[in-house]
Amino acid sequence: MSKLKLLFVCQGNWFRSRLAEILFNYYYRGDDWIISSGGIEPDKRSGVSPRLIESLDIFGISHDDMV
């Protein structure tokens, strides 16, 4: 059986779609999914959104490997 594909999209892919991708992968890892995220107008800022880090902390999800 082929894997299901899911793409989370927001305007900049700086916070919302990246958070959705990470949460889905965290809660459904090992399932038959290919998950990704993207932005309609990708944000040019480098690094990781501070709001994303704060949100991951709330959910107890490690972000040590994020650049």
Protein backbone atom coordinates (compact mmCIF):
# COMPACT_ATOMS: atom_id res chain seq x y z
CA MET A 1 0.00 0.00 0.00
CA SER A 2 1.35 3.45 -0.86
CA LYS A 3 1.83 6.11 1.78
CA LEU A 4 -0.65 8.96 2.14
CA LYS A 5 0.76 12.42 1.46
CA LEU A 6 -0.15 15.50 3.45
CA LEU A 7 1.11 19.02 2.82
CA PHE A 8 0.55 21.81 5.34
CA VAL A 9 0.63 25.24 3.69
CA CYS A 10 0.63 28.73 5.15
CA GLN A 11 1.80 32.04 3.81
CA GLY A 12 5.42 32.03 4.95
CA ASN A 13 6.23 28.55 6.31
CA TRP A 14 7.81 30.29 9.30
CA PHE A 15 5.48 29.08 12.06
CA ARG A 16 2.02 27.59 11.42
CA SER A 17 2.68 25.04 8.68
CA ARG A 18 6.00 24.00 10.23
CA LEU A 19 4.29 23.49 13.61
CA ALA A 20 1.53 21.45 11.98
CA GLU A 21 4.10 19.27 10.19
CA ILE A 22 6.11 18.68 13.36
CA LEU A 23 3.05 17.89 15.49
CA PHE A 24 1.61 15.50 12.92
CA ASN A 25 4.95 13.71 12.55
CA TYR A 26 5.29 13.53 16.34
CA TYR A 27 1.86 12.05 17.00
CA TYR A 28 1.60 9.84 13.90
CA ARG A 29 5.20 8.77 13.32
CA GLY A 30 5.44 5.18 12.20
CA ASP A 31 2.17 5.44 10.33
CA ASP A 32 1.96 5.40 6.57
CA TRP A 33 2.29 9.13 5.98
CA ILE A 34 4.60 11.43 4.05
CA ILE A 35 4.29 14.84 5.70
CA SER A 36 5.72 18.15 4.55
CA SER A 37 5.10 21.86 4.86
CA GLY A 38 5.53 24.86 2.63
CA GLY A 39 4.72 28.50 2.17
CA ILE A 40 2.97 30.40 -0.59
CA GLU A 41 5.51 33.21 -0.10
CA PRO A 42 8.30 31.53 1.87
CA ASP A 43 9.70 33.74 4.62
CA LYS A 44 13.28 34.87 4.03
CA ARG A 45 14.18 34.93 7.72
CA SER A 46 16.81 32.40 8.67
CA GLY A 47 16.64 30.10 11.64
CA VAL A 48 13.56 29.00 13.52
CA SER A 49 10.62 31.09 14.66
CA PRO A 50 10.78 31.81 18.41
CA ARG A 51 7.02 31.10 18.53
CA LEU A 52 7.69 27.65 17.05
CA ILE A 53 10.25 26.90 19.76
CA GLU A 54 7.86 28.10 22.48
CA SER A 55 5.05 25.97 21.07
CA LEU A 56 7.22 22.86 20.89
CA ASP A 57 8.22 23.43 24.53
CA ILE A 58 4.53 23.54 25.49
CA PHE A 59 3.96 20.19 23.76
CA GLY A 60 7.16 18.74 25.26
CA ILE A 61 8.69 18.10 21.82
CA SER A 62 12.45 18.37 21.45
CA HIS A 63 13.77 21.01 19.08
CA ASP A 64 17.49 20.46 19.69
CA ASP A 65 18.07 19.34 16.09
CA MET A 66 16.49 22.44 14.55
CA VAL A 67 18.73 25.08 13.01
